[in-house]
Amino acid sequence: MSTTKVKKSELNPDLEKVLENVESGKESLTKYKNFDEYIKHAKKVLED
């Protein structure tokens, strides 16, 4: 998987905080096998 570096000044401060928390392990990051798995999970969350 490829990621693109973005200057911190270009990021929303809330997003920047979340990314810092994920990087430090304070928040978990869910990875999906593919887009269909993500959509399936999103539909389930919205139904609950």
PDB file of N, CA and C in Angstrom:
ATOM      1  N   MET A   1       0.850  -1.177   0.000  1.00  0.00           N
ATOM      2  CA  MET A   1       0.000   0.000   0.000  1.00  0.00           C
ATOM      3  C   MET A   1       0.891   1.233   0.000  1.00  0.00           C
ATOM      4  N   SER A   2       0.518   2.211  -0.762  1.00  0.00           N
ATOM      5  CA  SER A   2       1.307   3.424  -0.884  1.00  0.00           C
ATOM      6  C   SER A   2       0.601   4.578  -0.184  1.00  0.00           C
ATOM      7  N   THR A   3       1.372   5.419   0.465  1.00  0.00           N
ATOM      8  CA  THR A   3       0.812   6.613   1.096  1.00  0.00           C
ATOM      9  C   THR A   3       1.539   7.825   0.564  1.00  0.00           C
ATOM     10  N   THR A   4       0.879   8.950   0.613  1.00  0.00           N
ATOM     11  CA  THR A   4       1.464  10.194   0.139  1.00  0.00           C
ATOM     12  C   THR A   4       1.699  11.104   1.325  1.00  0.00           C
ATOM     13  N   LYS A   5       2.891  11.638   1.424  1.00  0.00           N
ATOM     14  CA  LYS A   5       3.201  12.578   2.496  1.00  0.00           C
ATOM     15  C   LYS A   5       2.565  13.922   2.170  1.00  0.00           C
ATOM     16  N   VAL A   6       1.901  14.502   3.156  1.00  0.00           N
ATOM     17  CA  VAL A   6       1.283  15.810   3.017  1.00  0.00           C
ATOM     18  C   VAL A   6       1.882  16.691   4.092  1.00  0.00           C
ATOM     19  N   LYS A   7       2.152  17.926   3.739  1.00  0.00           N
ATOM     20  CA  LYS A   7       2.679  18.858   4.731  1.00  0.00           C
ATOM     21  C   LYS A   7       1.673  19.001   5.862  1.00  0.00           C
ATOM     22  N   LYS A   8       2.156  19.000   7.101  1.00  0.00           N
ATOM     23  CA  LYS A   8       1.252  19.096   8.238  1.00  0.00           C
ATOM     24  C   LYS A   8       0.382  20.338   8.164  1.00  0.00           C
ATOM     25  N   SER A   9       0.885  21.412   7.651  1.00  0.00           N
ATOM     26  CA  SER A   9       0.103  22.644   7.579  1.00  0.00           C
ATOM     27  C   SER A   9      -1.097  22.507   6.643  1.00  0.00           C
ATOM     28  N   GLU A  10      -1.086  21.490   5.768  1.00  0.00           N
ATOM     29  CA  GLU A  10      -2.181  21.278   4.833  1.00  0.00           C
ATOM     30  C   GLU A  10      -3.289  20.411   5.413  1.00  0.00           C
ATOM     31  N   LEU A  11      -3.045  19.781   6.566  1.00  0.00           N
ATOM     32  CA  LEU A  11      -4.021  18.888   7.166  1.00  0.00           C
ATOM     33  C   LEU A  11      -4.962  19.630   8.107  1.00  0.00           C
ATOM     34  N   ASN A  12      -6.176  19.144   8.190  1.00  0.00           N
ATOM     35  CA  ASN A  12      -7.132  19.632   9.166  1.00  0.00           C
ATOM     36  C   ASN A  12      -6.584  19.285  10.550  1.00  0.00           C
ATOM     37  N   PRO A  13      -6.610  20.204  11.516  1.00  0.00           N
ATOM     38  CA  PRO A  13      -6.053  19.927  12.845  1.00  0.00           C
ATOM     39  C   PRO A  13      -6.671  18.695  13.526  1.00  0.00           C
ATOM     40  N   ASP A  14      -7.972  18.454  13.314  1.00  0.00           N
ATOM     41  CA  ASP A  14      -8.611  17.272  13.899  1.00  0.00           C
ATOM     42  C   ASP A  14      -8.068  15.994  13.278  1.00  0.00           C
ATOM     43  N   LEU A  15      -7.893  16.000  11.965  1.00  0.00           N
ATOM     44  CA  LEU A  15      -7.333  14.850  11.273  1.00  0.00           C
ATOM     45  C   LEU A  15      -5.895  14.616  11.714  1.00  0.00           C
ATOM     46  N   GLU A  16      -5.145  15.681  11.858  1.00  0.00           N
ATOM     47  CA  GLU A  16      -3.759  15.586  12.302  1.00  0.00           C
ATOM     48  C   GLU A  16      -3.677  14.893  13.668  1.00  0.00           C
ATOM     49  N   LYS A  17      -4.595  15.244  14.578  1.00  0.00           N
ATOM     50  CA  LYS A  17      -4.629  14.649  15.918  1.00  0.00           C
ATOM     51  C   LYS A  17      -4.937  13.153  15.833  1.00  0.00           C
ATOM     52  N   VAL A  18      -5.907  12.786  15.006  1.00  0.00           N
ATOM     53  CA  VAL A  18      -6.263  11.374  14.837  1.00  0.00           C
ATOM     54  C   VAL A  18      -5.069  10.599  14.282  1.00  0.00           C
ATOM     55  N   LEU A  19      -4.408  11.148  13.278  1.00  0.00           N
ATOM     56  CA  LEU A  19      -3.246  10.461  12.698  1.00  0.00           C
ATOM     57  C   LEU A  19      -2.126  10.288  13.716  1.00  0.00           C
ATOM     58  N   GLU A  20      -1.917  11.294  14.544  1.00  0.00           N
ATOM     59  CA  GLU A  20      -0.900  11.185  15.596  1.00  0.00           C
ATOM     60  C   GLU A  20      -1.283  10.088  16.593  1.00  0.00           C
ATOM     61  N   ASN A  21      -2.570  10.006  16.944  1.00  0.00           N
ATOM     62  CA  ASN A  21      -3.029   8.969  17.874  1.00  0.00           C
ATOM     63  C   ASN A  21      -2.883   7.573  17.283  1.00  0.00           C
ATOM     64  N   VAL A  22      -3.170   7.415  16.006  1.00  0.00           N
ATOM     65  CA  VAL A  22      -3.007   6.120  15.341  1.00  0.00           C
ATOM     66  C   VAL A  22      -1.531   5.739  15.316  1.00  0.00           C
ATOM     67  N   GLU A  23      -0.698   6.697  14.963  1.00  0.00           N
ATOM     68  CA  GLU A  23       0.735   6.441  14.876  1.00  0.00           C
ATOM     69  C   GLU A  23       1.319   6.043  16.237  1.00  0.00           C
ATOM     70  N   SER A  24       0.834   6.665  17.312  1.00  0.00           N
ATOM     71  CA  SER A  24       1.367   6.366  18.643  1.00  0.00           C
ATOM     72  C   SER A  24       0.704   5.150  19.282  1.00  0.00           C
ATOM     73  N   GLY A  25      -0.354   4.612  18.645  1.00  0.00           N
ATOM     74  CA  GLY A  25      -1.026   3.435  19.180  1.00  0.00           C
ATOM     75  C   GLY A  25      -2.173   3.759  20.125  1.00  0.00           C
ATOM     76  N   LYS A  26      -2.506   5.015  20.310  1.00  0.00           N
ATOM     77  CA  LYS A  26      -3.614   5.400  21.184  1.00  0.00           C
ATOM     78  C   LYS A  26      -4.965   5.076  20.562  1.00  0.00           C
ATOM     79  N   GLU A  27      -5.031   5.051  19.247  1.00  0.00           N
ATOM     80  CA  GLU A  27      -6.243   4.683  18.512  1.00  0.00           C
ATOM     81  C   GLU A  27      -5.886   3.588  17.528  1.00  0.00           C
ATOM     82  N   SER A  28      -6.846   2.679  17.330  1.00  0.00           N
ATOM     83  CA  SER A  28      -6.587   1.602  16.378  1.00  0.00           C
ATOM     84  C   SER A  28      -7.058   2.003  14.988  1.00  0.00           C
ATOM     85  N   LEU A  29      -6.490   1.377  14.008  1.00  0.00           N
ATOM     86  CA  LEU A  29      -6.838   1.631  12.612  1.00  0.00           C
ATOM     87  C   LEU A  29      -7.316   0.319  12.014  1.00  0.00           C
ATOM     88  N   THR A  30      -8.497   0.319  11.449  1.00  0.00           N
ATOM     89  CA  THR A  30      -9.041  -0.882  10.833  1.00  0.00           C
ATOM     90  C   THR A  30      -8.672  -0.888   9.359  1.00  0.00           C
ATOM     91  N   LYS A  31      -8.089  -1.999   8.935  1.00  0.00           N
ATOM     92  CA  LYS A  31      -7.747  -2.154   7.522  1.00  0.00           C
ATOM     93  C   LYS A  31      -8.678  -3.191   6.920  1.00  0.00           C
ATOM     94  N   TYR A  32      -9.171  -2.911   5.738  1.00  0.00           N
ATOM     95  CA  TYR A  32     -10.073  -3.821   5.049  1.00  0.00           C
ATOM     96  C   TYR A  32      -9.353  -4.433   3.860  1.00  0.00           C
ATOM     97  N   LYS A  33      -9.746  -5.672   3.518  1.00  0.00           N
ATOM     98  CA  LYS A  33      -9.125  -6.373   2.394  1.00  0.00           C
ATOM     99  C   LYS A  33      -9.356  -5.642   1.082  1.00  0.00           C
ATOM    100  N   ASN A  34     -10.571  -5.088   0.949  1.00  0.00           N
ATOM    101  CA  ASN A  34     -10.911  -4.380  -0.281  1.00  0.00           C
ATOM    102  C   ASN A  34     -12.069  -3.419  -0.006  1.00  0.00           C
ATOM    103  N   PHE A  35     -12.460  -2.678  -0.999  1.00  0.00           N
ATOM    104  CA  PHE A  35     -13.509  -1.673  -0.848  1.00  0.00           C
ATOM    105  C   PHE A  35     -14.849  -2.306  -0.492  1.00  0.00           C
ATOM    106  N   ASP A  36     -15.141  -3.479  -1.056  1.00  0.00           N
ATOM    107  CA  ASP A  36     -16.411  -4.145  -0.771  1.00  0.00           C
ATOM    108  C   ASP A  36     -16.536  -4.497   0.709  1.00  0.00           C
ATOM    109  N   GLU A  37     -15.443  -4.936   1.328  1.00  0.00           N
ATOM    110  CA  GLU A  37     -15.455  -5.236   2.760  1.00  0.00           C
ATOM    111  C   GLU A  37     -15.723  -3.970   3.574  1.00  0.00           C
ATOM    112  N   TYR A  38     -15.141  -2.862   3.165  1.00  0.00           N
ATOM    113  CA  TYR A  38     -15.377  -1.587   3.841  1.00  0.00           C
ATOM    114  C   TYR A  38     -16.849  -1.180   3.744  1.00  0.00           C
ATOM    115  N   ILE A  39     -17.426  -1.296   2.560  1.00  0.00           N
ATOM    116  CA  ILE A  39     -18.828  -0.933   2.347  1.00  0.00           C
ATOM    117  C   ILE A  39     -19.738  -1.831   3.182  1.00  0.00           C
ATOM    118  N   LYS A  40     -19.433  -3.123   3.232  1.00  0.00           N
ATOM    119  CA  LYS A  40     -20.222  -4.048   4.034  1.00  0.00           C
ATOM    120  C   LYS A  40     -20.202  -3.620   5.510  1.00  0.00           C
ATOM    121  N   HIS A  41     -19.042  -3.253   6.006  1.00  0.00           N
ATOM    122  CA  HIS A  41     -18.915  -2.807   7.389  1.00  0.00           C
ATOM    123  C   HIS A  41     -19.661  -1.486   7.609  1.00  0.00           C
ATOM    124  N   ALA A  42     -19.542  -0.556   6.672  1.00  0.00           N
ATOM    125  CA  ALA A  42     -20.205   0.742   6.801  1.00  0.00           C
ATOM    126  C   ALA A  42     -21.722   0.571   6.829  1.00  0.00           C
ATOM    127  N   LYS A  43     -22.263  -0.295   5.992  1.00  0.00           N
ATOM    128  CA  LYS A  43     -23.712  -0.549   5.983  1.00  0.00           C
ATOM    129  C   LYS A  43     -24.153  -1.131   7.315  1.00  0.00           C
ATOM    130  N   LYS A  44     -23.368  -2.039   7.859  1.00  0.00           N
ATOM    131  CA  LYS A  44     -23.704  -2.656   9.141  1.00  0.00           C
ATOM    132  C   LYS A  44     -23.721  -1.593  10.251  1.00  0.00           C
ATOM    133  N   VAL A  45     -22.743  -0.718  10.262  1.00  0.00           N
ATOM    134  CA  VAL A  45     -22.679   0.330  11.278  1.00  0.00           C
ATOM    135  C   VAL A  45     -23.877   1.266  11.156  1.00  0.00           C
ATOM    136  N   LEU A  46     -24.238   1.621   9.934  1.00  0.00           N
ATOM    137  CA  LEU A  46     -25.351   2.533   9.718  1.00  0.00           C
ATOM    138  C   LEU A  46     -26.699   1.909  10.083  1.00  0.00           C
ATOM    139  N   GLU A  47     -26.828   0.594   9.965  1.00  0.00           N
ATOM    140  CA  GLU A  47     -28.071  -0.081  10.305  1.00  0.00           C
ATOM    141  C   GLU A  47     -28.281  -0.172  11.807  1.00  0.00           C
ATOM    142  N   ASP A  48     -27.217  -0.221  12.581  1.00  0.00           N
ATOM    143  CA  ASP A  48     -27.316  -0.360  14.045  1.00  0.00           C
ATOM    144  C   ASP A  48     -27.736   0.898  14.732  1.00  0.00           C
TER     145      ASP A  48
END
